[in-house]
Amino acid sequence: MQVLLLHRKDRKDFWQSVTGSIELNESPYEAAMREVKEETSIDPAIYPLQDWKLSNEYEIYSHWRYRYAPGVTHNIEHIFGLEVPKHITIKLAPTEHIDYQWFNINAAKEKVFSWTNRFAIEKLDEIKQYQS
């Protein structure tokens, strides 16, 4: 099993999964659908986007707080999974990412910069082991 990670354009050595913010009147699921399409060009309407019904609250890095209302210091991240064919075409959003790579589970856990991404990858590993 492989995990797709994206290399952020604005931070050296920051690799992550697809991430994003919920827009006005948008559910977490709708935001996940939109962000997958925007950041990778993968159409999640074709593949089953799974709501894992898991979330993490984390402190927003100071260098990204300008994106939020004054005084907002924490965020809630909702976790989804999307299984795609092995040789799917990826087209990155050039304003956000400069590269992508598929990693095995252990390498992906080591590569991501955030503990929330690591947590999601560990959950994926647990789900896949349970399904085997």
N, C-alpha and C. Protein backbone atom coordinates (compact mmCIF):
# COMPACT_ATOMS: atom_id res chain seq x y z
N MET A 1 0.83 -1.17 0.00
CA MET A 1 0.00 0.00 0.00
C MET A 1 0.89 1.25 0.00
N GLN A 2 0.46 2.24 -0.76
CA GLN A 2 1.21 3.48 -0.90
C GLN A 2 0.36 4.67 -0.46
N VAL A 3 1.04 5.70 0.04
CA VAL A 3 0.40 6.92 0.51
C VAL A 3 0.92 8.08 -0.33
N LEU A 4 0.01 8.88 -0.87
CA LEU A 4 0.40 10.04 -1.65
C LEU A 4 0.70 11.21 -0.71
N LEU A 5 1.89 11.78 -0.86
CA LEU A 5 2.26 12.96 -0.09
C LEU A 5 2.62 14.08 -1.06
N LEU A 6 2.31 15.30 -0.63
CA LEU A 6 2.55 16.49 -1.44
C LEU A 6 3.60 17.36 -0.75
N HIS A 7 4.53 17.90 -1.54
CA HIS A 7 5.59 18.75 -1.02
C HIS A 7 5.13 20.20 -1.13
N ARG A 8 4.98 20.86 0.00
CA ARG A 8 4.48 22.24 0.03
C ARG A 8 5.46 23.20 -0.65
N LYS A 9 4.90 24.13 -1.37
CA LYS A 9 5.72 25.14 -2.05
C LYS A 9 6.27 26.18 -1.07
N ASP A 10 5.49 26.52 -0.05
CA ASP A 10 5.86 27.63 0.84
C ASP A 10 6.73 27.24 2.02
N ARG A 11 7.00 25.98 2.23
CA ARG A 11 7.83 25.55 3.36
C ARG A 11 8.75 24.42 2.92
N LYS A 12 10.04 24.66 3.01
CA LYS A 12 11.02 23.64 2.62
C LYS A 12 10.87 22.40 3.48
N ASP A 13 10.90 21.26 2.84
CA ASP A 13 10.84 19.95 3.50
C ASP A 13 9.52 19.67 4.22
N PHE A 14 8.45 20.36 3.88
CA PHE A 14 7.13 20.07 4.45
C PHE A 14 6.37 19.19 3.47
N TRP A 15 6.21 17.94 3.84
CA TRP A 15 5.43 16.99 3.07
C TRP A 15 4.15 16.72 3.85
N GLN A 16 3.05 16.58 3.15
CA GLN A 16 1.76 16.39 3.80
C GLN A 16 0.79 15.67 2.87
N SER A 17 -0.32 15.27 3.45
CA SER A 17 -1.42 14.76 2.65
C SER A 17 -2.19 15.95 2.10
N VAL A 18 -3.26 15.70 1.37
CA VAL A 18 -4.15 16.77 0.94
C VAL A 18 -4.74 17.42 2.19
N THR A 19 -4.69 18.74 2.24
CA THR A 19 -5.26 19.48 3.37
C THR A 19 -6.01 20.69 2.83
N GLY A 20 -6.74 21.34 3.70
CA GLY A 20 -7.43 22.55 3.27
C GLY A 20 -8.38 23.05 4.32
N SER A 21 -9.09 24.09 3.97
CA SER A 21 -10.03 24.72 4.88
C SER A 21 -11.46 24.58 4.36
N ILE A 22 -12.37 24.57 5.31
CA ILE A 22 -13.79 24.51 4.97
C ILE A 22 -14.25 25.91 4.59
N GLU A 23 -14.92 26.02 3.45
CA GLU A 23 -15.45 27.30 3.02
C GLU A 23 -16.85 27.52 3.58
N LEU A 24 -17.33 28.73 3.48
CA LEU A 24 -18.64 29.11 3.99
C LEU A 24 -19.72 28.17 3.46
N ASN A 25 -20.57 27.65 4.36
CA ASN A 25 -21.69 26.75 4.02
C ASN A 25 -21.24 25.41 3.44
N GLU A 26 -20.02 25.00 3.72
CA GLU A 26 -19.48 23.75 3.20
C GLU A 26 -19.31 22.78 4.35
N SER A 27 -19.66 21.53 4.15
CA SER A 27 -19.44 20.50 5.17
C SER A 27 -17.99 20.02 5.08
N PRO A 28 -17.48 19.36 6.13
CA PRO A 28 -16.13 18.79 6.03
C PRO A 28 -15.99 17.84 4.84
N TYR A 29 -17.04 17.05 4.57
CA TYR A 29 -16.99 16.11 3.43
C TYR A 29 -16.89 16.87 2.11
N GLU A 30 -17.69 17.90 1.95
CA GLU A 30 -17.64 18.70 0.72
C GLU A 30 -16.29 19.37 0.56
N ALA A 31 -15.72 19.86 1.67
CA ALA A 31 -14.40 20.48 1.62
C ALA A 31 -13.34 19.45 1.20
N ALA A 32 -13.42 18.26 1.73
CA ALA A 32 -12.47 17.20 1.36
C ALA A 32 -12.57 16.88 -0.13
N MET A 33 -13.78 16.78 -0.63
CA MET A 33 -13.99 16.51 -2.06
C MET A 33 -13.34 17.62 -2.91
N ARG A 34 -13.60 18.85 -2.55
CA ARG A 34 -13.07 19.99 -3.30
C ARG A 34 -11.55 20.05 -3.22
N GLU A 35 -11.00 19.87 -2.03
CA GLU A 35 -9.55 19.97 -1.85
C GLU A 35 -8.80 18.87 -2.60
N VAL A 36 -9.31 17.66 -2.60
CA VAL A 36 -8.67 16.58 -3.36
C VAL A 36 -8.59 16.97 -4.84
N LYS A 37 -9.68 17.45 -5.38
CA LYS A 37 -9.72 17.84 -6.80
C LYS A 37 -8.77 19.01 -7.06
N GLU A 38 -8.79 20.04 -6.20
CA GLU A 38 -7.95 21.21 -6.40
C GLU A 38 -6.47 20.90 -6.30
N GLU A 39 -6.09 20.08 -5.32
CA GLU A 39 -4.67 19.87 -5.05
C GLU A 39 -4.03 18.76 -5.87
N THR A 40 -4.83 17.81 -6.38
CA THR A 40 -4.25 16.66 -7.09
C THR A 40 -4.84 16.40 -8.47
N SER A 41 -5.97 17.02 -8.77
CA SER A 41 -6.77 16.80 -9.98
C SER A 41 -7.50 15.45 -9.97
N ILE A 42 -7.38 14.70 -8.90
CA ILE A 42 -8.14 13.45 -8.77
C ILE A 42 -9.60 13.80 -8.52
N ASP A 43 -10.49 13.18 -9.26
CA ASP A 43 -11.92 13.44 -9.08
C ASP A 43 -12.46 12.47 -8.03
N PRO A 44 -12.71 12.94 -6.81
CA PRO A 44 -13.18 12.04 -5.76
C PRO A 44 -14.62 11.57 -5.95
N ALA A 45 -15.30 12.08 -6.97
CA ALA A 45 -16.63 11.57 -7.29
C ALA A 45 -16.52 10.20 -7.96
N ILE A 46 -15.36 9.91 -8.52
CA ILE A 46 -15.13 8.63 -9.20
C ILE A 46 -14.73 7.53 -8.21
N TYR A 47 -14.02 7.91 -7.17
CA TYR A 47 -13.51 6.96 -6.18
C TYR A 47 -14.18 7.24 -4.84
N PRO A 48 -14.42 6.23 -4.04
CA PRO A 48 -15.16 6.44 -2.79
C PRO A 48 -14.32 7.18 -1.72
N LEU A 49 -14.73 8.41 -1.42
CA LEU A 49 -14.12 9.18 -0.35
C LEU A 49 -14.74 8.70 0.95
N GLN A 50 -13.91 8.21 1.85
CA GLN A 50 -14.40 7.63 3.10
C GLN A 50 -14.19 8.60 4.25
N ASP A 51 -15.29 8.92 4.94
CA ASP A 51 -15.21 9.73 6.15
C ASP A 51 -14.87 8.78 7.29
N TRP A 52 -13.68 8.94 7.84
CA TRP A 52 -13.25 8.04 8.91
C TRP A 52 -13.84 8.42 10.26
N LYS A 53 -14.58 9.52 10.29
CA LYS A 53 -15.23 10.00 11.52
C LYS A 53 -14.21 10.18 12.65
N LEU A 54 -13.04 10.69 12.26
CA LEU A 54 -11.97 11.01 13.19
C LEU A 54 -11.57 12.46 12.97
N SER A 55 -11.17 13.10 14.04
CA SER A 55 -10.67 14.47 13.90
C SER A 55 -9.61 14.74 14.96
N ASN A 56 -8.80 15.74 14.70
CA ASN A 56 -7.75 16.17 15.62
C ASN A 56 -7.83 17.68 15.80
N GLU A 57 -7.62 18.13 17.01
CA GLU A 57 -7.49 19.56 17.24
C GLU A 57 -6.01 19.84 17.44
N TYR A 58 -5.52 20.88 16.78
CA TYR A 58 -4.11 21.20 16.87
C TYR A 58 -3.90 22.71 16.88
N GLU A 59 -2.74 23.11 17.38
CA GLU A 59 -2.38 24.53 17.36
C GLU A 59 -1.88 24.90 15.97
N ILE A 60 -2.39 25.98 15.43
CA ILE A 60 -2.00 26.45 14.11
C ILE A 60 -0.60 27.04 14.19
N TYR A 61 0.28 26.63 13.29
CA TYR A 61 1.63 27.21 13.24
C TYR A 61 1.53 28.72 13.09
N SER A 62 2.37 29.44 13.79
CA SER A 62 2.30 30.90 13.78
C SER A 62 2.42 31.48 12.37
N HIS A 63 3.23 30.85 11.50
CA HIS A 63 3.42 31.39 10.16
C HIS A 63 2.20 31.20 9.26
N TRP A 64 1.18 30.47 9.73
CA TRP A 64 -0.05 30.31 8.94
C TRP A 64 -1.26 30.97 9.61
N ARG A 65 -1.07 31.61 10.74
CA ARG A 65 -2.21 32.21 11.46
C ARG A 65 -2.83 33.38 10.72
N TYR A 66 -2.10 34.01 9.83
CA TYR A 66 -2.65 35.13 9.06
C TYR A 66 -3.86 34.70 8.23
N ARG A 67 -3.99 33.40 7.97
CA ARG A 67 -5.11 32.88 7.18
C ARG A 67 -6.41 32.82 7.98
N TYR A 68 -6.34 33.02 9.27
CA TYR A 68 -7.48 32.85 10.16
C TYR A 68 -7.88 34.18 10.78
N ALA A 69 -9.06 34.18 11.36
CA ALA A 69 -9.54 35.38 12.04
C ALA A 69 -8.61 35.71 13.21
N PRO A 70 -8.52 36.99 13.58
CA PRO A 70 -7.67 37.37 14.71
C PRO A 70 -8.02 36.58 15.97
N GLY A 71 -7.00 36.11 16.66
CA GLY A 71 -7.20 35.36 17.90
C GLY A 71 -7.40 33.87 17.73
N VAL A 72 -7.58 33.39 16.51
CA VAL A 72 -7.76 31.96 16.28
C VAL A 72 -6.38 31.30 16.33
N THR A 73 -6.21 30.36 17.24
CA THR A 73 -4.91 29.71 17.42
C THR A 73 -4.97 28.19 17.22
N HIS A 74 -6.18 27.63 17.19
CA HIS A 74 -6.33 26.18 17.05
C HIS A 74 -7.28 25.86 15.91
N ASN A 75 -7.13 24.68 15.38
CA ASN A 75 -7.94 24.23 14.25
C ASN A 75 -8.36 22.79 14.49
N ILE A 76 -9.44 22.39 13.85
CA ILE A 76 -9.89 20.99 13.88
C ILE A 76 -9.70 20.41 12.48
N GLU A 77 -9.04 19.29 12.42
CA GLU A 77 -8.77 18.61 11.17
C GLU A 77 -9.61 17.33 11.12
N HIS A 78 -10.38 17.18 10.06
CA HIS A 78 -11.22 15.99 9.85
C HIS A 78 -10.47 15.04 8.92
N ILE A 79 -10.55 13.76 9.21
CA ILE A 79 -9.75 12.78 8.47
C ILE A 79 -10.64 11.97 7.53
N PHE A 80 -10.19 11.92 6.26
CA PHE A 80 -10.86 11.16 5.22
C PHE A 80 -9.84 10.28 4.53
N GLY A 81 -10.32 9.26 3.85
CA GLY A 81 -9.45 8.39 3.07
C GLY A 81 -9.99 8.26 1.67
N LEU A 82 -9.09 8.12 0.71
CA LEU A 82 -9.48 7.95 -0.69
C LEU A 82 -8.56 6.92 -1.31
N GLU A 83 -9.14 5.83 -1.78
CA GLU A 83 -8.36 4.79 -2.44
C GLU A 83 -8.48 4.97 -3.94
N VAL A 84 -7.32 5.05 -4.60
CA VAL A 84 -7.29 5.29 -6.05
C VAL A 84 -6.44 4.21 -6.72
N PRO A 85 -6.58 4.07 -8.05
CA PRO A 85 -5.75 3.10 -8.77
C PRO A 85 -4.27 3.46 -8.67
N LYS A 86 -3.44 2.46 -8.80
CA LYS A 86 -2.00 2.62 -8.62
C LYS A 86 -1.38 3.64 -9.58
N HIS A 87 -1.81 3.68 -10.80
CA HIS A 87 -1.16 4.53 -11.80
C HIS A 87 -2.04 5.72 -12.20
N ILE A 88 -2.62 6.37 -11.23
CA ILE A 88 -3.47 7.52 -11.49
C ILE A 88 -2.62 8.76 -11.77
N THR A 89 -3.10 9.62 -12.64
CA THR A 89 -2.40 10.85 -12.97
C THR A 89 -2.63 11.89 -11.87
N ILE A 90 -1.56 12.52 -11.44
CA ILE A 90 -1.62 13.57 -10.44
C ILE A 90 -1.18 14.87 -11.11
N LYS A 91 -2.00 15.91 -10.95
CA LYS A 91 -1.63 17.25 -11.43
C LYS A 91 -1.75 18.18 -10.23
N LEU A 92 -0.62 18.67 -9.76
CA LEU A 92 -0.58 19.48 -8.55
C LEU A 92 -1.10 20.89 -8.78
N ALA A 93 -1.60 21.49 -7.71
CA ALA A 93 -1.93 22.91 -7.70
C ALA A 93 -0.60 23.65 -7.55
N PRO A 94 -0.11 24.31 -8.59
CA PRO A 94 1.24 24.90 -8.55
C PRO A 94 1.41 26.02 -7.53
N THR A 95 0.34 26.61 -7.07
CA THR A 95 0.46 27.65 -6.05
C THR A 95 0.68 27.07 -4.67
N GLU A 96 0.41 25.76 -4.50
CA GLU A 96 0.52 25.13 -3.18
C GLU A 96 1.63 24.10 -3.06
N HIS A 97 1.88 23.34 -4.13
CA HIS A 97 2.81 22.21 -4.04
C HIS A 97 3.77 22.19 -5.21
N ILE A 98 4.98 21.69 -4.94
CA ILE A 98 6.00 21.62 -5.98
C ILE A 98 6.33 20.20 -6.41
N ASP A 99 5.87 19.23 -5.66
CA ASP A 99 6.19 17.85 -5.99
C ASP A 99 5.23 16.92 -5.27
N TYR A 100 5.16 15.69 -5.74
CA TYR A 100 4.40 14.65 -5.04
C TYR A 100 5.18 13.36 -5.15
N GLN A 101 4.87 12.47 -4.24
CA GLN A 101 5.52 11.17 -4.27
C GLN A 101 4.65 10.18 -3.52
N TRP A 102 4.70 8.94 -3.96
CA TRP A 102 4.02 7.86 -3.26
C TRP A 102 5.02 7.20 -2.33
N PHE A 103 4.62 6.97 -1.09
CA PHE A 103 5.49 6.37 -0.08
C PHE A 103 4.80 5.15 0.53
N ASN A 104 5.60 4.17 0.98
CA ASN A 104 4.99 3.10 1.76
C ASN A 104 4.62 3.69 3.12
N ILE A 105 3.84 2.95 3.89
CA ILE A 105 3.30 3.45 5.16
C ILE A 105 4.40 3.98 6.09
N ASN A 106 5.43 3.19 6.32
CA ASN A 106 6.47 3.60 7.26
C ASN A 106 7.23 4.83 6.79
N ALA A 107 7.55 4.87 5.50
CA ALA A 107 8.26 6.03 4.96
C ALA A 107 7.37 7.28 5.02
N ALA A 108 6.08 7.12 4.76
CA ALA A 108 5.15 8.25 4.81
C ALA A 108 5.06 8.81 6.23
N LYS A 109 5.00 7.92 7.22
CA LYS A 109 4.94 8.38 8.61
C LYS A 109 6.18 9.20 8.98
N GLU A 110 7.33 8.80 8.44
CA GLU A 110 8.57 9.52 8.72
C GLU A 110 8.67 10.83 7.95
N LYS A 111 8.06 10.89 6.78
CA LYS A 111 8.23 12.05 5.89
C LYS A 111 7.35 13.24 6.27
N VAL A 112 6.14 12.99 6.76
CA VAL A 112 5.22 14.09 7.04
C VAL A 112 5.71 14.94 8.20
N PHE A 113 5.40 16.24 8.15
CA PHE A 113 5.88 17.15 9.19
C PHE A 113 4.92 17.26 10.36
N SER A 114 3.65 16.92 10.17
CA SER A 114 2.69 17.14 11.26
C SER A 114 2.30 15.84 11.95
N TRP A 115 2.07 15.95 13.24
CA TRP A 115 1.64 14.78 14.00
C TRP A 115 0.24 14.33 13.55
N THR A 116 -0.58 15.25 13.06
CA THR A 116 -1.93 14.86 12.64
C THR A 116 -1.87 14.02 11.37
N ASN A 117 -0.94 14.34 10.46
CA ASN A 117 -0.76 13.50 9.28
C ASN A 117 -0.25 12.12 9.68
N ARG A 118 0.70 12.10 10.60
CA ARG A 118 1.24 10.83 11.08
C ARG A 118 0.14 9.97 11.69
N PHE A 119 -0.73 10.61 12.48
CA PHE A 119 -1.86 9.92 13.10
C PHE A 119 -2.77 9.31 12.03
N ALA A 120 -3.09 10.07 11.00
CA ALA A 120 -3.96 9.57 9.93
C ALA A 120 -3.33 8.39 9.21
N ILE A 121 -2.03 8.46 8.95
CA ILE A 121 -1.34 7.36 8.27
C ILE A 121 -1.32 6.12 9.16
N GLU A 122 -1.12 6.31 10.45
CA GLU A 122 -1.17 5.16 11.37
C GLU A 122 -2.56 4.53 11.38
N LYS A 123 -3.61 5.35 11.32
CA LYS A 123 -4.98 4.83 11.27
C LYS A 123 -5.21 4.06 9.98
N LEU A 124 -4.67 4.56 8.87
CA LEU A 124 -4.79 3.86 7.60
C LEU A 124 -4.15 2.48 7.70
N ASP A 125 -2.98 2.44 8.30
CA ASP A 125 -2.28 1.17 8.50
C ASP A 125 -3.13 0.22 9.33
N GLU A 126 -3.75 0.72 10.41
CA GLU A 126 -4.61 -0.12 11.24
C GLU A 126 -5.82 -0.64 10.47
N ILE A 127 -6.44 0.22 9.67
CA ILE A 127 -7.61 -0.17 8.88
C ILE A 127 -7.23 -1.26 7.89
N LYS A 128 -6.14 -1.07 7.19
CA LYS A 128 -5.71 -2.04 6.18
C LYS A 128 -5.33 -3.38 6.83
N GLN A 129 -4.69 -3.34 7.98
CA GLN A 129 -4.34 -4.58 8.68
C GLN A 129 -5.60 -5.31 9.15
N TYR A 130 -6.58 -4.55 9.60
CA TYR A 130 -7.84 -5.14 10.06
C TYR A 130 -8.60 -5.80 8.90
N GLN A 131 -8.53 -5.17 7.71
CA GLN A 131 -9.24 -5.69 6.54
C GLN A 131 -8.57 -6.92 5.95
N SER A 132 -7.29 -7.13 6.27
CA SER A 132 -6.56 -8.28 5.70
C SER A 132 -6.97 -9.58 6.32
